[in-house]
Amino acid sequence: MSDLSTDAYWKANVRIITICMEIWALVSFGFGIVLRPLLSGIPVGGTDLGFWFAQQGSMLTFIVLVFFYRAYMNKLDRKFGVEE
């Protein structure tokens, strides 16, 4: 891989990592802690939405992000010719 394509590969890699971390921070910290009072009136599964995000939503979001990141990186690896 040339230096130009290496830079493009890592730029795309860091961009997707940043996006995934921002989504996870929004869901776990934002919805579970900061916005919990606003979400407390919305019932989900016998509890309120804020509590659900704090207890389960952030973990489920993390799992979804892991699978999304894996699929995205496999696609990116094929695009730049560095797949295993």
C-alpha atoms as a PDB file:
ATOM      1  CA  MET A   1       0.000   0.000   0.000  1.00  0.00           C
ATOM      2  CA  SER A   2       1.388   3.413  -0.901  1.00  0.00           C
ATOM      3  CA  ASP A   3       1.714   6.235   1.601  1.00  0.00           C
ATOM      4  CA  LEU A   4      -1.269   8.036   0.090  1.00  0.00           C
ATOM      5  CA  SER A   5      -3.552   5.014   0.376  1.00  0.00           C
ATOM      6  CA  THR A   6      -2.207   4.251   3.875  1.00  0.00           C
ATOM      7  CA  ASP A   7      -3.158   7.768   4.978  1.00  0.00           C
ATOM      8  CA  ALA A   8      -6.631   7.426   3.429  1.00  0.00           C
ATOM      9  CA  TYR A   9      -7.119   4.037   5.080  1.00  0.00           C
ATOM     10  CA  TRP A  10      -6.209   5.313   8.540  1.00  0.00           C
ATOM     11  CA  LYS A  11      -8.219   8.489   8.080  1.00  0.00           C
ATOM     12  CA  ALA A  12     -11.313   6.385   7.295  1.00  0.00           C
ATOM     13  CA  ASN A  13     -10.520   4.038  10.187  1.00  0.00           C
ATOM     14  CA  VAL A  14     -10.163   6.848  12.741  1.00  0.00           C
ATOM     15  CA  ARG A  15     -13.316   8.519  11.398  1.00  0.00           C
ATOM     16  CA  ILE A  16     -15.461   5.408  11.921  1.00  0.00           C
ATOM     17  CA  ILE A  17     -13.971   4.828  15.387  1.00  0.00           C
ATOM     18  CA  THR A  18     -14.791   8.427  16.322  1.00  0.00           C
ATOM     19  CA  ILE A  19     -18.362   8.103  15.050  1.00  0.00           C
ATOM     20  CA  CYS A  20     -18.904   4.831  16.939  1.00  0.00           C
ATOM     21  CA  MET A  21     -17.506   6.287  20.164  1.00  0.00           C
ATOM     22  CA  GLU A  22     -19.678   9.398  19.844  1.00  0.00           C
ATOM     23  CA  ILE A  23     -22.801   7.263  19.359  1.00  0.00           C
ATOM     24  CA  TRP A  24     -21.934   5.085  22.346  1.00  0.00           C
ATOM     25  CA  ALA A  25     -21.212   8.144  24.533  1.00  0.00           C
ATOM     26  CA  LEU A  26     -24.510   9.736  23.517  1.00  0.00           C
ATOM     27  CA  VAL A  27     -26.482   6.601  24.322  1.00  0.00           C
ATOM     28  CA  SER A  28     -24.714   5.602  27.552  1.00  0.00           C
ATOM     29  CA  PHE A  29     -23.902   8.985  29.094  1.00  0.00           C
ATOM     30  CA  GLY A  30     -26.399  11.217  27.312  1.00  0.00           C
ATOM     31  CA  PHE A  31     -29.559   9.106  27.383  1.00  0.00           C
ATOM     32  CA  GLY A  32     -28.695   7.110  30.516  1.00  0.00           C
ATOM     33  CA  ILE A  33     -27.530   9.960  32.760  1.00  0.00           C
ATOM     34  CA  VAL A  34     -27.938  13.483  31.387  1.00  0.00           C
ATOM     35  CA  LEU A  35     -31.286  13.097  29.601  1.00  0.00           C
ATOM     36  CA  ARG A  36     -32.736  10.534  32.022  1.00  0.00           C
ATOM     37  CA  PRO A  37     -35.164  13.001  33.665  1.00  0.00           C
ATOM     38  CA  LEU A  38     -36.570  13.906  30.244  1.00  0.00           C
ATOM     39  CA  LEU A  39     -37.014  10.243  29.327  1.00  0.00           C
ATOM     40  CA  SER A  40     -38.546   9.168  32.642  1.00  0.00           C
ATOM     41  CA  GLY A  41     -42.147   9.556  31.468  1.00  0.00           C
ATOM     42  CA  ILE A  42     -41.821   7.160  28.545  1.00  0.00           C
ATOM     43  CA  PRO A  43     -42.629   3.567  29.603  1.00  0.00           C
ATOM     44  CA  VAL A  44     -40.590   0.686  28.135  1.00  0.00           C
ATOM     45  CA  GLY A  45     -40.890  -2.877  29.364  1.00  0.00           C
ATOM     46  CA  GLY A  46     -42.262  -1.976  32.800  1.00  0.00           C
ATOM     47  CA  THR A  47     -39.752   0.805  33.475  1.00  0.00           C
ATOM     48  CA  ASP A  48     -38.967   4.227  32.059  1.00  0.00           C
ATOM     49  CA  LEU A  49     -36.864   4.831  28.966  1.00  0.00           C
ATOM     50  CA  GLY A  50     -34.048   6.615  30.837  1.00  0.00           C
ATOM     51  CA  PHE A  51     -33.544   3.676  33.182  1.00  0.00           C
ATOM     52  CA  TRP A  52     -33.688   1.260  30.241  1.00  0.00           C
ATOM     53  CA  PHE A  53     -30.913   3.160  28.427  1.00  0.00           C
ATOM     54  CA  ALA A  54     -28.797   3.246  31.575  1.00  0.00           C
ATOM     55  CA  GLN A  55     -29.201  -0.486  32.244  1.00  0.00           C
ATOM     56  CA  GLN A  56     -29.584  -2.158  28.856  1.00  0.00           C
ATOM     57  CA  GLY A  57     -29.620   0.353  26.031  1.00  0.00           C
ATOM     58  CA  SER A  58     -25.959   1.274  26.248  1.00  0.00           C
ATOM     59  CA  MET A  59     -24.877  -2.382  26.269  1.00  0.00           C
ATOM     60  CA  LEU A  60     -27.093  -3.300  23.327  1.00  0.00           C
ATOM     61  CA  THR A  61     -25.890  -0.235  21.434  1.00  0.00           C
ATOM     62  CA  PHE A  62     -22.287  -1.279  22.083  1.00  0.00           C
ATOM     63  CA  ILE A  63     -22.946  -4.776  20.715  1.00  0.00           C
ATOM     64  CA  VAL A  64     -24.604  -3.341  17.584  1.00  0.00           C
ATOM     65  CA  LEU A  65     -21.665  -0.948  17.110  1.00  0.00           C
ATOM     66  CA  VAL A  66     -19.164  -3.816  17.390  1.00  0.00           C
ATOM     67  CA  PHE A  67     -20.894  -5.749  14.601  1.00  0.00           C
ATOM     68  CA  PHE A  68     -21.263  -2.583  12.496  1.00  0.00           C
ATOM     69  CA  TYR A  69     -17.563  -1.760  12.962  1.00  0.00           C
ATOM     70  CA  ARG A  70     -16.560  -5.306  11.991  1.00  0.00           C
ATOM     71  CA  ALA A  71     -18.619  -5.176   8.792  1.00  0.00           C
ATOM     72  CA  TYR A  72     -17.401  -1.684   7.934  1.00  0.00           C
ATOM     73  CA  MET A  73     -13.745  -2.575   8.512  1.00  0.00           C
ATOM     74  CA  ASN A  74     -14.040  -5.736   6.401  1.00  0.00           C
ATOM     75  CA  LYS A  75     -15.411  -3.586   3.579  1.00  0.00           C
ATOM     76  CA  LEU A  76     -12.681  -0.970   4.090  1.00  0.00           C
ATOM     77  CA  ASP A  77      -9.978  -3.665   4.155  1.00  0.00           C
ATOM     78  CA  ARG A  78     -11.222  -5.089   0.839  1.00  0.00           C
ATOM     79  CA  LYS A  79     -11.339  -1.601  -0.672  1.00  0.00           C
ATOM     80  CA  PHE A  80      -7.704  -0.925   0.230  1.00  0.00           C
ATOM     81  CA  GLY A  81      -6.491  -4.486  -0.431  1.00  0.00           C
ATOM     82  CA  VAL A  82      -5.385  -5.304   3.102  1.00  0.00           C
ATOM     83  CA  GLU A  83      -7.867  -8.071   3.929  1.00  0.00           C
ATOM     84  CA  GLU A  84      -6.556 -11.239   5.501  1.00  0.00           C
END
